[in-house]
Amino acid sequence: MRTPLISLLALVTSGAAFAASTFPAQVFGTVASSSIVSNSTNFVCTLEDGRVEFQRAAPTSARPNPPAVIGLPRFATYNAQTGDGYQGSSGMVVLNFTSATTGNLHIDYDYSASGSLLPSGESVPFRAYRESWSPSTSTGRILFNVVFEHCTLPVRILLRGPT
């Protein structure tokens, strides 16, 4: 299985000053399209290019792993040979953490369902979440994998703020 790179170049829009260990609460940007195929299952995981929004509150002692809200372009998984097993989303997703690095990605809009309700109630696991922010360079990274049933979509986000 190939591992693609999904990159986000963003501008920090909050005017607040950030401490060395504090990740910016809200950023906007774009994401490059990406697609992988699982050779063993013939399933495709794909993400289209487009606008991205990211928002996450700072951790507190009462809430050490606050949720993250991400506005993504369409992403999906499906069987490349038959078209079966289609699951897709467009718009807002919420990363609800069960630990510092894992949790469930809740899908607000199911692109594959006719007349999808908001929120759709669907979710898929994510894992290997990591984030870092460097105030001295105004750059940061967010990394995680969306774990669909038949393939895993790595997400790699690069953030850049004003210097």
Protein backbone atom coordinates (compact mmCIF):
# COMPACT_ATOMS: atom_id res chain seq x y z
CA MET A 1 0.00 0.00 0.00
CA ARG A 2 1.36 3.43 -0.93
CA THR A 3 1.38 6.21 1.65
CA PRO A 4 0.44 9.56 0.10
CA LEU A 5 1.05 12.92 1.62
CA ILE A 6 -1.84 15.30 2.22
CA SER A 7 -0.54 18.79 2.92
CA LEU A 8 -2.29 21.82 4.28
CA LEU A 9 -0.74 25.26 4.07
CA ALA A 10 -2.69 27.58 6.32
CA LEU A 11 -2.69 31.02 7.87
CA VAL A 12 -3.36 31.47 11.53
CA THR A 13 -6.32 33.78 11.87
CA SER A 14 -6.45 34.30 15.62
CA GLY A 15 -4.86 37.50 16.91
CA ALA A 16 -4.01 35.91 20.27
CA ALA A 17 -0.43 35.32 21.31
CA PHE A 18 0.52 31.66 21.66
CA ALA A 19 2.67 30.12 24.34
CA ALA A 20 5.47 27.79 23.25
CA SER A 21 3.40 24.68 23.91
CA THR A 22 0.02 26.02 22.78
CA PHE A 23 -1.31 25.08 19.38
CA PRO A 24 -3.31 27.81 17.58
CA ALA A 25 -7.05 27.43 18.16
CA GLN A 26 -8.22 28.12 14.58
CA VAL A 27 -6.58 28.01 11.14
CA PHE A 28 -7.70 28.05 7.51
CA GLY A 29 -6.03 26.74 4.38
CA THR A 30 -6.13 24.28 1.51
CA VAL A 31 -5.44 20.58 1.19
CA ALA A 32 -3.94 18.71 -1.77
CA SER A 33 -5.83 15.80 -3.28
CA SER A 34 -4.65 12.32 -2.44
CA SER A 35 -5.65 8.76 -3.22
CA ILE A 36 -4.40 5.31 -2.22
CA VAL A 37 -5.45 1.81 -3.25
CA SER A 38 -5.22 -1.22 -0.99
CA ASN A 39 -3.76 -3.97 -3.17
CA SER A 40 -5.26 -6.68 -0.96
CA THR A 41 -8.87 -5.38 -1.00
CA ASN A 42 -9.07 -3.16 -4.13
CA PHE A 43 -10.53 -0.40 -1.96
CA VAL A 44 -9.60 3.23 -2.58
CA CYS A 45 -9.23 5.93 0.07
CA THR A 46 -9.30 9.39 -1.44
CA LEU A 47 -9.36 13.06 -0.46
CA GLU A 48 -10.11 15.88 -2.92
CA ASP A 49 -8.29 19.20 -2.92
CA GLY A 50 -10.01 22.30 -1.62
CA ARG A 51 -10.48 24.60 1.36
CA VAL A 52 -9.82 23.37 4.89
CA GLU A 53 -10.73 24.84 8.26
CA PHE A 54 -9.34 23.62 11.60
CA GLN A 55 -10.40 24.57 15.11
CA ARG A 56 -9.45 23.10 18.48
CA ALA A 57 -9.60 24.54 21.99
CA ALA A 58 -6.51 24.45 24.17
CA PRO A 59 -6.29 21.46 26.52
CA THR A 60 -7.24 21.98 30.16
CA SER A 61 -6.92 19.79 33.25
CA ALA A 62 -10.66 19.10 33.02
CA ARG A 63 -10.46 18.37 29.28
CA PRO A 64 -6.95 17.21 28.34
CA ASN A 65 -8.02 16.00 24.86
CA PRO A 66 -10.59 18.49 23.53
CA PRO A 67 -12.30 17.67 20.22
CA ALA A 68 -11.06 19.11 16.94
CA VAL A 69 -13.43 20.40 14.25
CA ILE A 70 -12.16 20.16 10.67
CA GLY A 71 -13.85 21.35 7.49
CA LEU A 72 -12.63 19.05 4.73
CA PRO A 73 -13.36 18.71 1.04
CA ARG A 74 -14.89 15.41 -0.07
CA PHE A 75 -13.14 12.28 1.15
CA ALA A 76 -14.31 8.75 0.50
CA THR A 77 -13.60 5.04 0.38
CA TYR A 78 -15.02 2.51 -2.09
CA ASN A 79 -14.18 -0.68 -3.99
CA ALA A 80 -12.33 0.41 -7.13
CA GLN A 81 -13.47 -2.62 -9.14
CA THR A 82 -17.15 -2.82 -8.21
CA GLY A 83 -17.99 0.60 -6.73
CA ASP A 84 -19.47 -1.17 -3.68
CA GLY A 85 -18.90 -0.11 -0.07
CA TYR A 86 -18.96 3.62 -0.81
CA GLN A 87 -18.63 5.83 2.25
CA GLY A 88 -17.91 9.51 1.86
CA SER A 89 -18.15 12.89 3.48
CA SER A 90 -18.00 16.53 2.53
CA GLY A 91 -17.89 19.35 5.04
CA MET A 92 -17.36 19.31 8.77
CA VAL A 93 -15.98 16.37 10.72
CA VAL A 94 -15.30 16.21 14.45
CA LEU A 95 -12.36 14.34 15.94
CA ASN A 96 -13.51 13.11 19.35
CA PHE A 97 -10.52 11.79 21.28
CA THR A 98 -10.59 8.65 23.44
CA SER A 99 -6.89 9.19 24.23
CA ALA A 100 -4.24 11.72 23.21
CA THR A 101 -3.66 9.90 19.89
CA THR A 102 -6.84 7.97 19.02
CA GLY A 103 -10.57 8.44 18.77
CA ASN A 104 -13.51 8.62 16.39
CA LEU A 105 -13.96 10.91 13.42
CA HIS A 106 -17.65 11.88 13.34
CA ILE A 107 -19.04 12.65 9.91
CA ASP A 108 -21.54 15.52 9.73
CA TYR A 109 -22.57 15.03 6.09
CA ASP A 110 -22.62 11.64 4.36
CA TYR A 111 -21.92 12.43 0.70
CA SER A 112 -22.91 8.87 -0.29
CA ALA A 113 -26.42 8.94 1.23
CA SER A 114 -29.32 10.60 -0.55
CA GLY A 115 -30.94 13.14 1.80
CA SER A 116 -28.28 12.70 4.50
CA LEU A 117 -29.27 14.12 7.87
CA LEU A 118 -27.05 16.60 9.69
CA PRO A 119 -25.19 15.26 11.56
CA SER A 120 -25.19 11.89 9.82
CA GLY A 121 -24.37 9.90 12.96
CA GLU A 122 -21.65 7.98 11.13
CA SER A 123 -18.09 7.71 12.37
CA VAL A 124 -14.79 6.02 11.59
CA PRO A 125 -11.79 5.57 13.87
CA PHE A 126 -8.66 7.65 13.65
CA ARG A 127 -5.25 6.90 15.16
CA ALA A 128 -1.68 8.15 15.43
CA TYR A 129 -2.76 11.76 16.01
CA ARG A 130 0.12 14.13 16.63
CA GLU A 131 0.35 17.89 16.61
CA SER A 132 3.15 20.36 17.13
CA TRP A 133 3.51 24.13 16.97
CA SER A 134 6.66 26.25 16.94
CA PRO A 135 6.01 29.90 17.85
CA SER A 136 9.56 30.86 16.83
CA THR A 137 8.90 29.82 13.21
CA SER A 138 5.08 30.12 13.25
CA THR A 139 4.78 26.64 11.81
CA GLY A 140 2.97 23.54 12.95
CA ARG A 141 2.00 20.05 11.91
CA ILE A 142 -0.99 17.80 12.46
CA LEU A 143 -0.71 14.14 11.53
CA PHE A 144 -3.31 11.38 11.82
CA ASN A 145 -4.70 8.37 9.97
CA VAL A 146 -8.38 7.87 9.12
CA VAL A 147 -9.02 4.14 9.48
CA PHE A 148 -11.72 3.01 7.06
CA GLU A 149 -12.73 -0.66 7.09
CA HIS A 150 -10.66 -1.59 4.02
CA CYS A 151 -7.94 1.07 3.81
CA THR A 152 -6.23 3.77 5.86
CA LEU A 153 -5.99 7.38 4.70
CA PRO A 154 -3.01 9.26 6.17
CA VAL A 155 -3.63 12.97 6.71
CA ARG A 156 -0.62 15.30 6.90
CA ILE A 157 -1.30 18.95 7.68
CA LEU A 158 1.27 21.75 7.57
CA LEU A 159 0.29 25.01 9.25
CA ARG A 160 1.99 28.34 8.80
CA GLY A 161 1.14 31.48 10.72
CA PRO A 162 2.29 35.08 10.55
CA THR A 163 5.88 35.64 11.67
